PDB file of all heavy atoms in Angstrom:
ATOM      1  N   ARG A   1      28.715   0.700  -6.461  1.00  0.00           N
ATOM      2  CA  ARG A   1      29.633   0.620  -5.328  1.00  0.00           C
ATOM      3  C   ARG A   1      30.023   2.013  -4.867  1.00  0.00           C
ATOM      4  O   ARG A   1      29.950   2.966  -5.625  1.00  0.00           O
ATOM      5  CB  ARG A   1      30.888  -0.173  -5.742  1.00  0.00           C
ATOM      6  CG  ARG A   1      31.752   0.455  -6.794  1.00  0.00           C
ATOM      7  CD  ARG A   1      32.831  -0.540  -7.286  1.00  0.00           C
ATOM      8  NE  ARG A   1      33.751  -0.862  -6.212  1.00  0.00           N
ATOM      9  CZ  ARG A   1      34.478  -1.992  -6.234  1.00  0.00           C
ATOM     10  NH1 ARG A   1      34.382  -2.870  -7.214  1.00  0.00           N
ATOM     11  NH2 ARG A   1      35.342  -2.220  -5.232  1.00  0.00           N
ATOM     12  N   ASP A   2      30.451   2.126  -3.620  1.00  0.00           N
ATOM     13  CA  ASP A   2      30.927   3.329  -3.055  1.00  0.00           C
ATOM     14  C   ASP A   2      32.256   2.955  -2.329  1.00  0.00           C
ATOM     15  O   ASP A   2      32.241   2.400  -1.232  1.00  0.00           O
ATOM     16  CB  ASP A   2      29.952   3.934  -2.056  1.00  0.00           C
ATOM     17  CG  ASP A   2      30.375   5.236  -1.529  1.00  0.00           C
ATOM     18  OD1 ASP A   2      31.616   5.563  -1.535  1.00  0.00           O
ATOM     19  OD2 ASP A   2      29.524   6.044  -1.034  1.00  0.00           O
ATOM     20  N   ASN A   3      33.380   3.237  -2.918  1.00  0.00           N
ATOM     21  CA  ASN A   3      34.655   2.790  -2.403  1.00  0.00           C
ATOM     22  C   ASN A   3      34.967   3.557  -1.050  1.00  0.00           C
ATOM     23  O   ASN A   3      35.620   3.022  -0.195  1.00  0.00           O
ATOM     24  CB  ASN A   3      35.791   3.041  -3.403  1.00  0.00           C
ATOM     25  CG  ASN A   3      35.705   2.095  -4.546  1.00  0.00           C
ATOM     26  OD1 ASN A   3      35.087   1.033  -4.459  1.00  0.00           O
ATOM     27  ND2 ASN A   3      36.237   2.506  -5.713  1.00  0.00           N
ATOM     28  N   ALA A   4      34.460   4.723  -0.902  1.00  0.00           N
ATOM     29  CA  ALA A   4      34.681   5.487   0.275  1.00  0.00           C
ATOM     30  C   ALA A   4      34.012   4.832   1.530  1.00  0.00           C
ATOM     31  O   ALA A   4      34.435   4.992   2.650  1.00  0.00           O
ATOM     32  CB  ALA A   4      34.205   6.921   0.169  1.00  0.00           C
ATOM     33  N   LYS A   5      32.897   4.066   1.226  1.00  0.00           N
ATOM     34  CA  LYS A   5      32.171   3.387   2.280  1.00  0.00           C
ATOM     35  C   LYS A   5      32.445   1.911   2.290  1.00  0.00           C
ATOM     36  O   LYS A   5      31.777   1.215   3.026  1.00  0.00           O
ATOM     37  CB  LYS A   5      30.657   3.690   2.164  1.00  0.00           C
ATOM     38  CG  LYS A   5      30.332   5.144   2.317  1.00  0.00           C
ATOM     39  CD  LYS A   5      28.837   5.332   2.232  1.00  0.00           C
ATOM     40  CE  LYS A   5      28.455   6.793   2.456  1.00  0.00           C
ATOM     41  NZ  LYS A   5      26.981   7.067   2.354  1.00  0.00           N
ATOM     42  N   ASN A   6      33.336   1.450   1.476  1.00  0.00           N
ATOM     43  CA  ASN A   6      33.634  -0.008   1.367  1.00  0.00           C
ATOM     44  C   ASN A   6      32.315  -0.797   1.213  1.00  0.00           C
ATOM     45  O   ASN A   6      32.137  -1.861   1.821  1.00  0.00           O
ATOM     46  CB  ASN A   6      34.413  -0.497   2.602  1.00  0.00           C
ATOM     47  CG  ASN A   6      35.802  -0.068   2.608  1.00  0.00           C
ATOM     48  OD1 ASN A   6      36.309   0.623   1.753  1.00  0.00           O
ATOM     49  ND2 ASN A   6      36.528  -0.539   3.635  1.00  0.00           N
ATOM     50  N   SER A   7      31.482  -0.330   0.321  1.00  0.00           N
ATOM     51  CA  SER A   7      30.178  -0.906   0.184  1.00  0.00           C
ATOM     52  C   SER A   7      29.824  -1.096  -1.301  1.00  0.00           C
ATOM     53  O   SER A   7      30.203  -0.358  -2.129  1.00  0.00           O
ATOM     54  CB  SER A   7      29.104  -0.049   0.855  1.00  0.00           C
ATOM     55  OG  SER A   7      29.260   0.040   2.235  1.00  0.00           O
ATOM     56  N   VAL A   8      29.007  -2.106  -1.478  1.00  0.00           N
ATOM     57  CA  VAL A   8      28.405  -2.460  -2.720  1.00  0.00           C
ATOM     58  C   VAL A   8      26.882  -2.509  -2.581  1.00  0.00           C
ATOM     59  O   VAL A   8      26.436  -2.970  -1.525  1.00  0.00           O
ATOM     60  CB  VAL A   8      28.990  -3.745  -3.385  1.00  0.00           C
ATOM     61  CG1 VAL A   8      28.757  -4.913  -2.512  1.00  0.00           C
ATOM     62  CG2 VAL A   8      28.519  -3.927  -4.787  1.00  0.00           C
ATOM     63  N   TYR A   9      26.184  -2.123  -3.605  1.00  0.00           N
ATOM     64  CA  TYR A   9      24.736  -2.045  -3.527  1.00  0.00           C
ATOM     65  C   TYR A   9      24.056  -2.833  -4.678  1.00  0.00           C
ATOM     66  O   TYR A   9      24.643  -3.016  -5.746  1.00  0.00           O
ATOM     67  CB  TYR A   9      24.301  -0.518  -3.532  1.00  0.00           C
ATOM     68  CG  TYR A   9      24.968   0.303  -2.555  1.00  0.00           C
ATOM     69  CD1 TYR A   9      26.065   1.020  -2.954  1.00  0.00           C
ATOM     70  CD2 TYR A   9      24.611   0.310  -1.234  1.00  0.00           C
ATOM     71  CE1 TYR A   9      26.802   1.839  -2.011  1.00  0.00           C
ATOM     72  CE2 TYR A   9      25.280   1.078  -0.264  1.00  0.00           C
ATOM     73  CZ  TYR A   9      26.390   1.845  -0.710  1.00  0.00           C
ATOM     74  OH  TYR A   9      27.037   2.620   0.218  1.00  0.00           O
ATOM     75  N   LEU A  10      22.809  -3.211  -4.447  1.00  0.00           N
ATOM     76  CA  LEU A  10      22.025  -3.827  -5.496  1.00  0.00           C
ATOM     77  C   LEU A  10      20.654  -3.215  -5.454  1.00  0.00           C
ATOM     78  O   LEU A  10      19.873  -3.472  -4.501  1.00  0.00           O
ATOM     79  CB  LEU A  10      21.932  -5.317  -5.355  1.00  0.00           C
ATOM     80  CG  LEU A  10      21.279  -6.082  -6.518  1.00  0.00           C
ATOM     81  CD1 LEU A  10      22.141  -5.996  -7.740  1.00  0.00           C
ATOM     82  CD2 LEU A  10      21.057  -7.571  -6.136  1.00  0.00           C
ATOM     83  N   GLN A  11      20.324  -2.397  -6.435  1.00  0.00           N
ATOM     84  CA  GLN A  11      18.979  -1.868  -6.621  1.00  0.00           C
ATOM     85  C   GLN A  11      18.130  -2.824  -7.402  1.00  0.00           C
ATOM     86  O   GLN A  11      18.502  -3.102  -8.536  1.00  0.00           O
ATOM     87  CB  GLN A  11      19.031  -0.475  -7.255  1.00  0.00           C
ATOM     88  CG  GLN A  11      17.681   0.134  -7.510  1.00  0.00           C
ATOM     89  CD  GLN A  11      16.940   0.431  -6.175  1.00  0.00           C
ATOM     90  OE1 GLN A  11      17.503   0.964  -5.219  1.00  0.00           O
ATOM     91  NE2 GLN A  11      15.608   0.158  -6.201  1.00  0.00           N
ATOM     92  N   MET A  12      17.076  -3.282  -6.841  1.00  0.00           N
ATOM     93  CA  MET A  12      16.230  -4.285  -7.493  1.00  0.00           C
ATOM     94  C   MET A  12      14.842  -3.701  -7.771  1.00  0.00           C
ATOM     95  O   MET A  12      14.131  -3.282  -6.780  1.00  0.00           O
ATOM     96  CB  MET A  12      16.127  -5.528  -6.625  1.00  0.00           C
ATOM     97  CG  MET A  12      17.454  -6.143  -6.226  1.00  0.00           C
ATOM     98  SD  MET A  12      17.317  -7.660  -5.346  1.00  0.00           S
ATOM     99  CE  MET A  12      16.473  -7.061  -3.850  1.00  0.00           C
ATOM    100  N   ASN A  13      14.496  -3.570  -9.022  1.00  0.00           N
ATOM    101  CA  ASN A  13      13.169  -3.037  -9.377  1.00  0.00           C
ATOM    102  C   ASN A  13      12.413  -4.141 -10.123  1.00  0.00           C
ATOM    103  O   ASN A  13      12.933  -5.146 -10.533  1.00  0.00           O
ATOM    104  CB  ASN A  13      13.392  -1.856 -10.334  1.00  0.00           C
ATOM    105  CG  ASN A  13      14.114  -0.677  -9.653  1.00  0.00           C
ATOM    106  OD1 ASN A  13      13.999  -0.485  -8.454  1.00  0.00           O
ATOM    107  ND2 ASN A  13      14.853   0.019 -10.429  1.00  0.00           N
ATOM    108  N   SER A  14      11.088  -3.876 -10.220  1.00  0.00           N
ATOM    109  CA  SER A  14      10.214  -4.842 -10.960  1.00  0.00           C
ATOM    110  C   SER A  14      10.462  -6.254 -10.472  1.00  0.00           C
ATOM    111  O   SER A  14      10.582  -7.197 -11.254  1.00  0.00           O
ATOM    112  CB  SER A  14      10.472  -4.769 -12.493  1.00  0.00           C
ATOM    113  OG  SER A  14      10.296  -3.446 -12.981  1.00  0.00           O
ATOM    114  N   LEU A  15      10.442  -6.386  -9.201  1.00  0.00           N
ATOM    115  CA  LEU A  15      10.738  -7.706  -8.574  1.00  0.00           C
ATOM    116  C   LEU A  15       9.687  -8.742  -8.972  1.00  0.00           C
ATOM    117  O   LEU A  15       8.452  -8.400  -9.072  1.00  0.00           O
ATOM    118  CB  LEU A  15      10.843  -7.560  -7.077  1.00  0.00           C
ATOM    119  CG  LEU A  15      12.217  -7.001  -6.603  1.00  0.00           C
ATOM    120  CD1 LEU A  15      12.129  -6.465  -5.167  1.00  0.00           C
ATOM    121  CD2 LEU A  15      13.324  -8.061  -6.733  1.00  0.00           C
ATOM    122  N   ARG A  16      10.106  -9.961  -9.105  1.00  0.00           N
ATOM    123  CA  ARG A  16       9.279 -11.049  -9.512  1.00  0.00           C
ATOM    124  C   ARG A  16       9.280 -12.116  -8.361  1.00  0.00           C
ATOM    125  O   ARG A  16      10.202 -12.149  -7.521  1.00  0.00           O
ATOM    126  CB  ARG A  16       9.751 -11.711 -10.770  1.00  0.00           C
ATOM    127  CG  ARG A  16       9.874 -10.752 -11.923  1.00  0.00           C
ATOM    128  CD  ARG A  16      10.624 -11.400 -13.091  1.00  0.00           C
ATOM    129  NE  ARG A  16      10.733 -10.497 -14.221  1.00  0.00           N
ATOM    130  CZ  ARG A  16      11.492 -10.707 -15.315  1.00  0.00           C
ATOM    131  NH1 ARG A  16      12.190 -11.797 -15.402  1.00  0.00           N
ATOM    132  NH2 ARG A  16      11.514  -9.830 -16.296  1.00  0.00           N
ATOM    133  N   LEU A  17       8.317 -12.980  -8.386  1.00  0.00           N
ATOM    134  CA  LEU A  17       8.277 -14.066  -7.435  1.00  0.00           C
ATOM    135  C   LEU A  17       9.508 -14.866  -7.368  1.00  0.00           C
ATOM    136  O   LEU A  17       9.982 -15.271  -6.290  1.00  0.00           O
ATOM    137  CB  LEU A  17       7.082 -15.006  -7.700  1.00  0.00           C
ATOM    138  CG  LEU A  17       5.658 -14.355  -7.595  1.00  0.00           C
ATOM    139  CD1 LEU A  17       4.631 -15.390  -8.045  1.00  0.00           C
ATOM    140  CD2 LEU A  17       5.388 -13.827  -6.250  1.00  0.00           C
ATOM    141  N   GLU A  18      10.107 -15.077  -8.573  1.00  0.00           N
ATOM    142  CA  GLU A  18      11.286 -15.932  -8.711  1.00  0.00           C
ATOM    143  C   GLU A  18      12.540 -15.248  -8.201  1.00  0.00           C
ATOM    144  O   GLU A  18      13.642 -15.835  -8.168  1.00  0.00           O
ATOM    145  CB  GLU A  18      11.470 -16.408 -10.106  1.00  0.00           C
ATOM    146  CG  GLU A  18      11.572 -15.280 -11.155  1.00  0.00           C
ATOM    147  CD  GLU A  18      10.143 -15.033 -11.803  1.00  0.00           C
ATOM    148  OE1 GLU A  18       9.131 -15.140 -11.140  1.00  0.00           O
ATOM    149  OE2 GLU A  18      10.179 -14.693 -13.048  1.00  0.00           O
ATOM    150  N   ASP A  19      12.475 -13.943  -7.814  1.00  0.00           N
ATOM    151  CA  ASP A  19      13.600 -13.294  -7.186  1.00  0.00           C
ATOM    152  C   ASP A  19      13.743 -13.596  -5.721  1.00  0.00           C
ATOM    153  O   ASP A  19      14.738 -13.221  -5.104  1.00  0.00           O
ATOM    154  CB  ASP A  19      13.470 -11.802  -7.382  1.00  0.00           C
ATOM    155  CG  ASP A  19      13.551 -11.356  -8.866  1.00  0.00           C
ATOM    156  OD1 ASP A  19      14.375 -11.956  -9.596  1.00  0.00           O
ATOM    157  OD2 ASP A  19      12.811 -10.442  -9.273  1.00  0.00           O
ATOM    158  N   THR A  20      12.755 -14.261  -5.188  1.00  0.00           N
ATOM    159  CA  THR A  20      12.828 -14.661  -3.759  1.00  0.00           C
ATOM    160  C   THR A  20      14.005 -15.492  -3.480  1.00  0.00           C
ATOM    161  O   THR A  20      14.211 -16.559  -4.115  1.00  0.00           O
ATOM    162  CB  THR A  20      11.526 -15.371  -3.360  1.00  0.00           C
ATOM    163  OG1 THR A  20      10.412 -14.505  -3.456  1.00  0.00           O
ATOM    164  CG2 THR A  20      11.610 -15.890  -1.901  1.00  0.00           C
ATOM    165  N   ALA A  21      14.855 -15.090  -2.495  1.00  0.00           N
ATOM    166  CA  ALA A  21      16.082 -15.766  -2.224  1.00  0.00           C
ATOM    167  C   ALA A  21      16.770 -15.076  -1.084  1.00  0.00           C
ATOM    168  O   ALA A  21      16.416 -13.945  -0.704  1.00  0.00           O
ATOM    169  CB  ALA A  21      17.034 -15.833  -3.440  1.00  0.00           C
ATOM    170  N   VAL A  22      17.860 -15.730  -0.528  1.00  0.00           N
ATOM    171  CA  VAL A  22      18.803 -15.003   0.302  1.00  0.00           C
ATOM    172  C   VAL A  22      19.871 -14.453  -0.593  1.00  0.00           C
ATOM    173  O   VAL A  22      20.420 -15.165  -1.437  1.00  0.00           O
ATOM    174  CB  VAL A  22      19.328 -15.958   1.383  1.00  0.00           C
ATOM    175  CG1 VAL A  22      20.336 -15.151   2.298  1.00  0.00           C
ATOM    176  CG2 VAL A  22      18.291 -16.548   2.262  1.00  0.00           C
ATOM    177  N   TYR A  23      20.145 -13.177  -0.425  1.00  0.00           N
ATOM    178  CA  TYR A  23      21.096 -12.495  -1.241  1.00  0.00           C
ATOM    179  C   TYR A  23      22.431 -12.280  -0.433  1.00  0.00           C
ATOM    180  O   TYR A  23      22.379 -11.858   0.723  1.00  0.00           O
ATOM    181  CB  TYR A  23      20.587 -11.163  -1.770  1.00  0.00           C
ATOM    182  CG  TYR A  23      19.575 -11.319  -2.899  1.00  0.00           C
ATOM    183  CD1 TYR A  23      18.297 -11.864  -2.609  1.00  0.00           C
ATOM    184  CD2 TYR A  23      19.886 -10.992  -4.125  1.00  0.00           C
ATOM    185  CE1 TYR A  23      17.401 -12.016  -3.622  1.00  0.00           C
ATOM    186  CE2 TYR A  23      18.965 -11.127  -5.162  1.00  0.00           C
ATOM    187  CZ  TYR A  23      17.718 -11.700  -4.902  1.00  0.00           C
ATOM    188  OH  TYR A  23      16.778 -11.836  -5.951  1.00  0.00           O
ATOM    189  N   TYR A  24      23.534 -12.526  -1.108  1.00  0.00           N
ATOM    190  CA  TYR A  24      24.818 -12.421  -0.480  1.00  0.00           C
ATOM    191  C   TYR A  24      25.745 -11.588  -1.426  1.00  0.00           C
ATOM    192  O   TYR A  24      25.608 -11.568  -2.634  1.00  0.00           O
ATOM    193  CB  TYR A  24      25.477 -13.781  -0.369  1.00  0.00           C
ATOM    194  CG  TYR A  24      24.714 -14.842   0.407  1.00  0.00           C
ATOM    195  CD1 TYR A  24      23.730 -15.583  -0.203  1.00  0.00           C
ATOM    196  CD2 TYR A  24      25.007 -14.998   1.772  1.00  0.00           C
ATOM    197  CE1 TYR A  24      23.083 -16.550   0.484  1.00  0.00           C
ATOM    198  CE2 TYR A  24      24.291 -15.970   2.476  1.00  0.00           C
ATOM    199  CZ  TYR A  24      23.329 -16.780   1.838  1.00  0.00           C
ATOM    200  OH  TYR A  24      22.640 -17.733   2.508  1.00  0.00           O
ATOM    201  N   CYS A  25      26.763 -11.002  -0.842  1.00  0.00           N
ATOM    202  CA  CYS A  25      27.832 -10.357  -1.606  1.00  0.00           C
ATOM    203  C   CYS A  25      29.085 -11.176  -1.390  1.00  0.00           C
ATOM    204  O   CYS A  25      29.274 -11.841  -0.336  1.00  0.00           O
ATOM    205  CB  CYS A  25      28.041  -8.922  -1.285  1.00  0.00           C
ATOM    206  SG  CYS A  25      28.548  -8.566   0.413  1.00  0.00           S
ATOM    207  N   ASN A  26      30.001 -11.089  -2.333  1.00  0.00           N
ATOM    208  CA  ASN A  26      31.271 -11.764  -2.227  1.00  0.00           C
ATOM    209  C   ASN A  26      32.156 -11.368  -3.418  1.00  0.00           C
ATOM    210  O   ASN A  26      31.715 -10.631  -4.305  1.00  0.00           O
ATOM    211  CB  ASN A  26      31.109 -13.327  -2.273  1.00  0.00           C
ATOM    212  CG  ASN A  26      32.203 -14.052  -1.494  1.00  0.00           C
ATOM    213  OD1 ASN A  26      33.360 -13.798  -1.675  1.00  0.00           O
ATOM    214  ND2 ASN A  26      31.834 -14.976  -0.631  1.00  0.00           N
ATOM    215  N   HIS A  27      33.378 -11.820  -3.444  1.00  0.00           N
ATOM    216  CA  HIS A  27      34.175 -11.651  -4.585  1.00  0.00           C
ATOM    217  C   HIS A  27      33.598 -12.521  -5.753  1.00  0.00           C
ATOM    218  O   HIS A  27      32.956 -13.535  -5.456  1.00  0.00           O
ATOM    219  CB  HIS A  27      35.603 -12.150  -4.248  1.00  0.00           C
ATOM    220  CG  HIS A  27      36.658 -11.833  -5.273  1.00  0.00           C
ATOM    221  ND1 HIS A  27      36.928 -12.636  -6.315  1.00  0.00           N
ATOM    222  CD2 HIS A  27      37.413 -10.702  -5.469  1.00  0.00           C
ATOM    223  CE1 HIS A  27      37.861 -12.130  -7.067  1.00  0.00           C
ATOM    224  NE2 HIS A  27      38.167 -10.941  -6.571  1.00  0.00           N
ATOM    225  N   PRO A  28      33.827 -12.078  -7.020  1.00  0.00           N
ATOM    226  CA  PRO A  28      33.322 -12.968  -8.118  1.00  0.00           C
ATOM    227  C   PRO A  28      33.842 -14.353  -8.062  1.00  0.00           C
ATOM    228  O   PRO A  28      33.203 -15.321  -8.585  1.00  0.00           O
ATOM    229  CB  PRO A  28      33.892 -12.249  -9.344  1.00  0.00           C
ATOM    230  CG  PRO A  28      33.956 -10.795  -8.926  1.00  0.00           C
ATOM    231  CD  PRO A  28      34.381 -10.854  -7.501  1.00  0.00           C
ATOM    232  N   SER A  29      34.945 -14.635  -7.453  1.00  0.00           N
ATOM    233  CA  SER A  29      35.491 -15.998  -7.293  1.00  0.00           C
ATOM    234  C   SER A  29      34.896 -16.723  -6.075  1.00  0.00           C
ATOM    235  O   SER A  29      35.129 -17.880  -5.834  1.00  0.00           O
ATOM    236  CB  SER A  29      36.992 -16.036  -7.167  1.00  0.00           C
ATOM    237  OG  SER A  29      37.347 -15.387  -5.930  1.00  0.00           O
ATOM    238  N   ALA A  30      34.050 -15.941  -5.330  1.00  0.00           N
ATOM    239  CA  ALA A  30      33.460 -16.540  -4.099  1.00  0.00           C
ATOM    240  C   ALA A  30      34.532 -16.998  -3.108  1.00  0.00           C
ATOM    241  O   ALA A  30      34.398 -17.992  -2.416  1.00  0.00           O
ATOM    242  CB  ALA A  30      32.493 -17.651  -4.403  1.00  0.00           C
ATOM    243  N   ALA A  31      35.665 -16.282  -3.130  1.00  0.00           N
ATOM    244  CA  ALA A  31      36.828 -16.730  -2.360  1.00  0.00           C
ATOM    245  C   ALA A  31      36.697 -16.345  -0.867  1.00  0.00           C
ATOM    246  O   ALA A  31      37.443 -16.995  -0.032  1.00  0.00           O
ATOM    247  CB  ALA A  31      38.079 -16.085  -2.923  1.00  0.00           C
ATOM    248  N   TRP A  32      35.888 -15.462  -0.528  1.00  0.00           N
ATOM    249  CA  TRP A  32      35.782 -14.979   0.876  1.00  0.00           C
ATOM    250  C   TRP A  32      34.726 -15.730   1.701  1.00  0.00           C
ATOM    251  O   TRP A  32      33.772 -16.319   1.073  1.00  0.00           O
ATOM    252  CB  TRP A  32      35.529 -13.515   0.949  1.00  0.00           C
ATOM    253  CG  TRP A  32      36.584 -12.697   0.210  1.00  0.00           C
ATOM    254  CD1 TRP A  32      37.924 -12.961   0.145  1.00  0.00           C
ATOM    255  CD2 TRP A  32      36.393 -11.477  -0.567  1.00  0.00           C
ATOM    256  NE1 TRP A  32      38.611 -12.005  -0.544  1.00  0.00           N
ATOM    257  CE2 TRP A  32      37.680 -11.073  -0.977  1.00  0.00           C
ATOM    258  CE3 TRP A  32      35.288 -10.682  -0.863  1.00  0.00           C
ATOM    259  CZ2 TRP A  32      37.872  -9.936  -1.767  1.00  0.00           C
ATOM    260  CZ3 TRP A  32      35.488  -9.537  -1.605  1.00  0.00           C
ATOM    261  CH2 TRP A  32      36.741  -9.193  -2.062  1.00  0.00           C
TER     262      TRP A  32
END
């Protein structure tokens, strides 16, 4: 994360076929 940019990141390496999906960010409670 970079709090100065109000951003969170996900670096994904060694990707597999089963990683295919739509990716979302949210609070851990999925409240937003």
